[in-house]
N, C-alpha and C. Protein backbone atom coordinates (compact mmCIF):
# COMPACT_ATOMS: atom_id res chain seq x y z
N MET A 1 6.29 -0.53 -17.20
CA MET A 1 7.01 0.33 -16.61
C MET A 1 8.13 -0.15 -15.64
N PRO A 2 8.99 -0.74 -16.21
CA PRO A 2 10.07 -1.27 -15.37
C PRO A 2 10.77 -0.40 -14.58
N ASP A 3 11.11 -0.64 -13.30
CA ASP A 3 11.89 0.11 -12.39
C ASP A 3 11.26 1.53 -12.11
N ASN A 4 10.01 1.59 -12.04
CA ASN A 4 9.27 2.81 -11.76
C ASN A 4 8.35 2.64 -10.66
N LEU A 5 8.77 2.08 -9.58
CA LEU A 5 7.97 2.01 -8.44
C LEU A 5 8.21 3.27 -7.54
N SER A 6 7.16 3.57 -6.98
CA SER A 6 7.23 5.01 -6.10
C SER A 6 8.46 4.39 -5.09
N ASN A 7 8.86 5.33 -4.23
CA ASN A 7 9.50 5.20 -3.00
C ASN A 7 8.70 4.51 -1.91
N THR A 8 7.35 4.94 -1.98
CA THR A 8 6.31 4.04 -0.95
C THR A 8 6.23 2.72 -1.43
N ALA A 9 5.95 2.35 -2.86
CA ALA A 9 5.77 1.12 -3.17
C ALA A 9 7.02 0.26 -2.99
N GLU A 10 8.36 0.81 -3.26
CA GLU A 10 9.42 0.03 -3.06
C GLU A 10 9.69 -0.38 -1.56
N ASN A 11 9.37 0.41 -0.53
CA ASN A 11 9.48 0.20 0.88
C ASN A 11 8.49 -0.82 1.23
N LEU A 12 7.15 -0.80 0.65
CA LEU A 12 6.11 -1.83 1.02
C LEU A 12 6.65 -3.21 0.56
N THR A 13 7.14 -3.15 -0.76
CA THR A 13 7.57 -4.17 -1.22
C THR A 13 8.62 -5.03 -0.59
N LEU A 14 9.61 -4.27 -0.22
CA LEU A 14 10.76 -4.81 0.52
C LEU A 14 10.40 -5.32 1.82
N ASP A 15 9.50 -4.68 2.60
CA ASP A 15 9.11 -4.90 3.84
C ASP A 15 8.22 -6.28 3.82
N TRP A 16 7.48 -6.19 2.75
CA TRP A 16 6.66 -7.66 2.44
C TRP A 16 7.66 -8.73 2.28
N VAL A 17 8.53 -8.72 1.36
CA VAL A 17 9.34 -9.78 0.99
C VAL A 17 10.33 -10.29 2.04
N LEU A 18 10.76 -9.24 2.78
CA LEU A 18 11.75 -9.48 3.96
C LEU A 18 11.04 -9.87 5.33
N GLY A 19 9.74 -9.78 5.36
CA GLY A 19 9.02 -10.12 6.50
C GLY A 19 9.13 -9.04 7.52
N VAL A 20 9.45 -7.76 7.24
CA VAL A 20 9.66 -6.89 8.21
C VAL A 20 8.27 -6.17 8.55
N GLY A 21 8.05 -5.91 9.80
CA GLY A 21 6.72 -5.17 10.27
C GLY A 21 5.66 -5.80 9.57
N SER A 22 4.50 -5.04 9.48
CA SER A 22 3.27 -5.57 8.90
C SER A 22 2.76 -4.62 7.68
N PRO A 23 3.48 -4.71 6.54
CA PRO A 23 3.20 -3.81 5.48
C PRO A 23 1.66 -4.03 5.05
N THR A 24 1.07 -2.90 4.82
CA THR A 24 -0.38 -2.80 4.45
C THR A 24 -0.55 -2.93 3.03
N ARG A 25 -1.14 -4.05 2.53
CA ARG A 25 -1.69 -4.17 1.16
C ARG A 25 -2.31 -2.86 0.61
N PRO A 26 -1.95 -2.27 -0.52
CA PRO A 26 -2.64 -1.22 -1.16
C PRO A 26 -4.23 -1.47 -1.19
N THR A 27 -5.07 -0.33 -1.21
CA THR A 27 -6.34 -0.41 -1.21
C THR A 27 -6.90 -0.52 -2.76
N THR A 28 -7.62 -1.44 -3.03
CA THR A 28 -8.16 -1.84 -4.40
C THR A 28 -9.71 -1.17 -4.67
N PRO A 29 -9.95 -0.80 -5.68
CA PRO A 29 -9.20 -1.34 -7.15
C PRO A 29 -7.96 -0.23 -7.17
N LEU A 30 -7.01 -0.69 -7.75
CA LEU A 30 -5.86 0.21 -8.31
C LEU A 30 -6.28 1.24 -9.46
N LYS A 31 -5.95 2.37 -9.56
CA LYS A 31 -6.34 3.33 -10.51
C LYS A 31 -5.22 3.77 -11.34
N VAL A 32 -5.58 3.95 -12.62
CA VAL A 32 -4.58 4.36 -13.53
C VAL A 32 -4.86 6.01 -13.76
N ALA A 33 -3.84 6.86 -13.67
CA ALA A 33 -4.02 8.32 -13.86
C ALA A 33 -3.04 8.62 -15.12
N LEU A 34 -3.51 9.44 -15.73
CA LEU A 34 -2.88 10.25 -16.86
C LEU A 34 -2.15 11.45 -16.43
N VAL A 35 -1.01 11.74 -16.88
CA VAL A 35 -0.21 12.68 -16.60
C VAL A 35 0.35 13.55 -17.81
N THR A 36 0.29 14.99 -17.59
CA THR A 36 0.82 15.79 -18.66
C THR A 36 2.26 16.19 -18.41
N ALA A 37 2.85 15.87 -17.34
CA ALA A 37 4.37 15.99 -16.94
C ALA A 37 4.58 14.67 -15.77
N ASN A 38 5.53 14.17 -16.44
CA ASN A 38 5.92 12.96 -15.56
C ASN A 38 6.56 13.19 -14.07
N GLY A 39 6.40 12.25 -13.01
CA GLY A 39 7.03 12.57 -11.88
C GLY A 39 8.18 11.52 -11.84
N ASP A 40 8.53 11.34 -10.41
CA ASP A 40 9.76 10.58 -10.22
C ASP A 40 9.48 9.69 -9.19
N ASP A 41 10.50 9.01 -8.38
CA ASP A 41 10.04 8.10 -7.35
C ASP A 41 9.50 8.90 -6.05
N ALA A 42 9.75 10.05 -5.90
CA ALA A 42 9.16 10.77 -4.59
C ALA A 42 8.13 11.73 -4.97
N ASN A 43 8.00 12.17 -6.49
CA ASN A 43 7.03 13.17 -6.60
C ASN A 43 5.99 12.80 -7.72
N ALA A 44 4.86 12.83 -7.49
CA ALA A 44 3.74 12.65 -8.53
C ALA A 44 4.00 13.57 -9.83
N GLY A 45 3.59 13.05 -10.95
CA GLY A 45 3.35 14.14 -11.95
C GLY A 45 2.23 15.00 -11.85
N THR A 46 2.03 15.81 -12.99
CA THR A 46 0.86 16.55 -13.07
C THR A 46 -0.22 16.06 -13.77
N GLU A 47 -1.29 15.58 -13.13
CA GLU A 47 -2.39 14.72 -13.54
C GLU A 47 -3.28 15.61 -14.43
N VAL A 48 -3.81 15.07 -15.40
CA VAL A 48 -4.93 15.52 -16.46
C VAL A 48 -6.02 16.24 -15.55
N THR A 49 -6.53 17.23 -15.75
CA THR A 49 -7.92 17.79 -15.28
C THR A 49 -8.88 18.20 -16.28
N GLY A 50 -10.02 18.43 -15.99
CA GLY A 50 -10.89 18.88 -17.14
C GLY A 50 -11.69 17.77 -17.92
N GLY A 51 -12.60 18.42 -18.42
CA GLY A 51 -13.47 17.39 -19.41
C GLY A 51 -14.02 16.38 -18.50
N SER A 52 -14.16 15.21 -18.83
CA SER A 52 -14.90 14.15 -18.28
C SER A 52 -13.84 13.05 -17.59
N TYR A 53 -12.61 13.66 -17.66
CA TYR A 53 -11.37 12.91 -17.11
C TYR A 53 -11.72 12.53 -15.78
N ALA A 54 -11.46 11.16 -15.40
CA ALA A 54 -11.50 10.47 -14.18
C ALA A 54 -10.52 9.23 -14.27
N ARG A 55 -9.75 9.19 -13.18
CA ARG A 55 -8.91 7.88 -13.16
C ARG A 55 -9.55 6.26 -13.30
N GLN A 56 -9.04 5.52 -14.21
CA GLN A 56 -9.72 4.45 -14.51
C GLN A 56 -9.20 3.21 -13.64
N ASN A 57 -10.21 2.20 -13.39
CA ASN A 57 -9.65 0.86 -12.53
C ASN A 57 -8.63 0.13 -13.52
N LEU A 58 -7.68 -0.36 -12.80
CA LEU A 58 -6.91 -1.30 -13.44
C LEU A 58 -7.14 -2.84 -13.05
N SER A 59 -7.17 -3.55 -13.98
CA SER A 59 -7.40 -5.23 -13.91
C SER A 59 -6.17 -5.66 -14.46
N VAL A 60 -5.37 -6.59 -13.88
CA VAL A 60 -4.18 -7.29 -14.13
C VAL A 60 -4.44 -8.79 -14.02
N ALA A 61 -3.68 -9.50 -14.74
CA ALA A 61 -3.62 -10.96 -14.59
C ALA A 61 -2.35 -11.28 -13.70
N ALA A 62 -2.30 -12.64 -13.33
CA ALA A 62 -1.12 -12.92 -12.35
C ALA A 62 0.22 -12.68 -13.10
N ALA A 63 1.17 -12.31 -12.33
CA ALA A 63 2.30 -12.08 -12.92
C ALA A 63 3.23 -13.25 -13.46
N VAL A 64 3.92 -13.06 -14.62
CA VAL A 64 4.83 -14.27 -15.04
C VAL A 64 5.89 -13.71 -15.36
N ALA A 65 7.04 -14.23 -15.10
CA ALA A 65 8.53 -13.96 -15.33
C ALA A 65 8.72 -12.36 -14.94
N GLY A 66 8.14 -12.10 -13.83
CA GLY A 66 8.32 -10.90 -13.28
C GLY A 66 7.59 -9.60 -13.96
N ALA A 67 6.54 -9.93 -14.53
CA ALA A 67 5.74 -8.82 -15.30
C ALA A 67 4.27 -9.25 -15.16
N THR A 68 3.49 -8.13 -15.26
CA THR A 68 2.07 -8.21 -15.92
C THR A 68 1.85 -7.08 -16.43
N SER A 69 0.34 -7.08 -17.07
CA SER A 69 -0.05 -5.93 -17.80
C SER A 69 -1.55 -5.71 -17.66
N ASN A 70 -2.08 -4.79 -17.97
CA ASN A 70 -3.46 -4.50 -18.11
C ASN A 70 -4.15 -5.60 -18.68
N SER A 71 -5.14 -6.12 -18.26
CA SER A 71 -5.96 -7.42 -18.71
C SER A 71 -7.25 -6.86 -19.47
N ALA A 72 -7.50 -5.49 -19.60
CA ALA A 72 -8.60 -4.96 -20.13
C ALA A 72 -8.36 -3.64 -20.60
N ASP A 73 -9.02 -3.01 -21.69
CA ASP A 73 -8.65 -1.81 -22.16
C ASP A 73 -9.01 -0.63 -21.17
N LEU A 74 -8.00 0.30 -20.99
CA LEU A 74 -8.36 1.44 -20.31
C LEU A 74 -8.74 2.40 -21.19
N VAL A 75 -9.97 3.10 -20.86
CA VAL A 75 -10.74 4.08 -21.70
C VAL A 75 -10.88 5.43 -20.99
N TRP A 76 -10.50 6.29 -21.44
CA TRP A 76 -10.86 7.86 -20.87
C TRP A 76 -11.78 8.46 -21.96
N THR A 77 -12.91 8.91 -21.70
CA THR A 77 -13.81 9.50 -22.78
C THR A 77 -13.89 11.06 -22.34
N GLY A 78 -14.36 11.75 -23.19
CA GLY A 78 -14.58 13.25 -22.83
C GLY A 78 -13.00 13.74 -22.43
N MET A 79 -12.02 13.51 -22.93
CA MET A 79 -10.86 14.23 -22.40
C MET A 79 -10.80 15.47 -22.75
N PRO A 80 -9.97 16.29 -22.11
CA PRO A 80 -9.64 17.90 -22.32
C PRO A 80 -8.76 17.87 -23.37
N ALA A 81 -8.54 18.99 -23.97
CA ALA A 81 -7.44 19.11 -24.90
C ALA A 81 -6.24 19.19 -24.14
N THR A 82 -5.50 18.12 -24.31
CA THR A 82 -4.11 18.07 -23.70
C THR A 82 -3.23 17.17 -24.33
N THR A 83 -1.89 17.25 -24.06
CA THR A 83 -1.01 16.08 -24.19
C THR A 83 -0.51 15.39 -22.97
N VAL A 84 -0.89 14.12 -23.32
CA VAL A 84 -0.53 12.99 -22.12
C VAL A 84 0.80 12.57 -22.52
N VAL A 85 1.77 12.50 -21.44
CA VAL A 85 3.06 11.92 -21.71
C VAL A 85 3.47 10.74 -20.53
N GLY A 86 2.60 10.39 -19.77
CA GLY A 86 2.75 9.33 -18.90
C GLY A 86 1.63 8.92 -18.09
N VAL A 87 1.70 7.71 -17.40
CA VAL A 87 0.73 7.12 -16.49
C VAL A 87 1.24 7.13 -15.06
N GLU A 88 0.30 6.71 -14.16
CA GLU A 88 0.66 6.48 -12.63
C GLU A 88 -0.21 5.56 -12.29
N VAL A 89 0.07 4.66 -11.29
CA VAL A 89 -0.91 3.79 -10.74
C VAL A 89 -1.04 4.21 -9.21
N TRP A 90 -2.30 4.36 -8.83
CA TRP A 90 -2.64 4.76 -7.35
C TRP A 90 -3.33 3.82 -6.71
N ASP A 91 -3.35 3.72 -5.48
CA ASP A 91 -4.33 2.68 -4.95
C ASP A 91 -5.68 3.72 -4.72
N SER A 92 -6.63 3.03 -4.21
CA SER A 92 -7.85 3.66 -4.03
C SER A 92 -8.40 4.25 -2.52
N ALA A 93 -7.28 4.47 -1.72
CA ALA A 93 -7.61 4.79 -0.30
C ALA A 93 -8.24 6.18 -0.27
N GLY A 94 -8.70 6.62 0.96
CA GLY A 94 -9.49 7.93 1.06
C GLY A 94 -8.38 8.85 0.72
N THR A 95 -7.02 8.60 1.18
CA THR A 95 -5.81 9.42 0.46
C THR A 95 -5.11 8.53 -0.27
N PRO A 96 -5.26 8.50 -1.55
CA PRO A 96 -4.58 7.59 -2.33
C PRO A 96 -3.25 7.61 -2.27
N VAL A 97 -2.53 6.49 -2.46
CA VAL A 97 -1.01 6.44 -2.47
C VAL A 97 -0.59 5.98 -3.75
N ARG A 98 0.36 6.61 -4.31
CA ARG A 98 0.79 6.47 -5.62
C ARG A 98 1.97 5.21 -5.56
N LEU A 99 1.80 4.32 -6.54
CA LEU A 99 2.52 3.08 -6.52
C LEU A 99 3.47 3.00 -7.62
N TRP A 100 3.05 3.31 -8.85
CA TRP A 100 3.88 3.18 -10.01
C TRP A 100 3.64 4.47 -10.95
N TYR A 101 4.68 4.71 -11.69
CA TYR A 101 4.77 5.84 -12.64
C TYR A 101 5.52 5.66 -13.87
N GLY A 102 5.36 6.03 -15.01
CA GLY A 102 6.28 6.06 -16.05
C GLY A 102 5.85 6.73 -17.27
N PRO A 103 6.60 6.97 -18.13
CA PRO A 103 6.20 7.78 -19.48
C PRO A 103 5.47 6.69 -20.60
N LEU A 104 4.85 7.45 -21.21
CA LEU A 104 4.32 6.68 -22.31
C LEU A 104 5.32 6.33 -23.50
N SER A 105 5.36 5.30 -24.26
CA SER A 105 6.47 5.27 -25.19
C SER A 105 6.35 6.36 -26.21
N ALA A 106 5.22 6.94 -26.45
CA ALA A 106 5.16 8.11 -27.27
C ALA A 106 3.92 9.04 -26.73
N SER A 107 4.17 10.22 -26.63
CA SER A 107 3.07 11.23 -26.17
C SER A 107 1.86 11.17 -26.97
N ARG A 108 0.81 11.29 -26.41
CA ARG A 108 -0.59 11.38 -27.22
C ARG A 108 -1.23 12.68 -26.99
N THR A 109 -1.56 13.57 -27.96
CA THR A 109 -2.13 14.63 -28.00
C THR A 109 -3.66 14.48 -28.17
N VAL A 110 -4.58 14.79 -27.34
CA VAL A 110 -6.06 14.70 -27.74
C VAL A 110 -6.65 16.07 -27.79
N ALA A 111 -7.69 16.10 -28.68
CA ALA A 111 -8.64 17.27 -28.66
C ALA A 111 -9.70 17.20 -27.61
N ALA A 112 -10.45 18.37 -27.23
CA ALA A 112 -11.39 18.24 -26.34
C ALA A 112 -12.62 17.33 -26.84
N GLY A 113 -13.00 16.51 -25.84
CA GLY A 113 -13.93 15.58 -26.17
C GLY A 113 -13.59 14.32 -26.80
N ASP A 114 -12.17 14.14 -27.08
CA ASP A 114 -11.74 12.92 -27.71
C ASP A 114 -11.62 11.77 -26.38
N GLU A 115 -11.45 10.51 -27.17
CA GLU A 115 -11.14 9.26 -26.15
C GLU A 115 -9.68 8.90 -26.27
N LEU A 116 -9.13 8.60 -25.08
CA LEU A 116 -7.92 8.10 -25.09
C LEU A 116 -7.82 6.64 -24.44
N ARG A 117 -7.16 5.70 -25.28
CA ARG A 117 -7.43 4.26 -25.08
C ARG A 117 -6.11 3.57 -25.00
N LEU A 118 -5.91 2.84 -23.82
CA LEU A 118 -4.72 1.98 -23.72
C LEU A 118 -5.16 0.54 -23.93
N THR A 119 -4.93 -0.19 -24.63
CA THR A 119 -5.49 -1.44 -24.95
C THR A 119 -4.90 -2.32 -24.02
N ALA A 120 -5.58 -3.52 -23.67
CA ALA A 120 -5.34 -4.62 -22.99
C ALA A 120 -3.75 -5.06 -23.39
N GLY A 121 -3.08 -5.33 -22.34
CA GLY A 121 -1.67 -5.66 -22.63
C GLY A 121 -0.59 -4.64 -22.79
N SER A 122 -1.07 -3.28 -23.11
CA SER A 122 -0.18 -2.45 -23.32
C SER A 122 0.52 -1.73 -22.31
N LEU A 123 0.01 -1.74 -21.05
CA LEU A 123 0.58 -1.10 -19.86
C LEU A 123 1.02 -2.27 -19.04
N THR A 124 2.47 -2.35 -19.21
CA THR A 124 3.18 -3.50 -18.42
C THR A 124 3.97 -2.83 -17.18
N LEU A 125 3.54 -3.75 -16.16
CA LEU A 125 4.22 -3.65 -14.66
C LEU A 125 5.18 -4.56 -14.39
N THR A 126 6.39 -3.97 -14.05
CA THR A 126 7.50 -5.07 -13.53
C THR A 126 8.17 -4.54 -12.38
N ILE A 127 8.93 -5.65 -11.66
CA ILE A 127 9.76 -5.52 -10.80
C ILE A 127 10.99 -5.84 -11.38
N GLN A 128 12.17 -5.25 -11.37
CA GLN A 128 13.47 -5.90 -11.91
C GLN A 128 14.66 -5.46 -10.99
């Protein structure tokens, strides 16, 4: 998801790199949410609801050449009937903060009870 940091994440990153103030590191674990309508820098997308859907923990390796990706499969079981068009990455604070967002390379339609899987390495996060 190149160039898809939320405004909040952009500000945190700039403040940290430039040594401005005391930016707070996002609360971990980071969580991956599935959306049926994509958001933008300022607005979250429409998150999947129903079935056994729940955000999944994100594990990543250290960044190389300005990028990293999920180091383990992300698996959602018991999905509701829906079409997933994108993902968002949130922290796990009491009031979660959205950090990244982006469309899937191809939408995925699932039937009620299906599983949706993003294999290890398929969710790439970059800052460019």
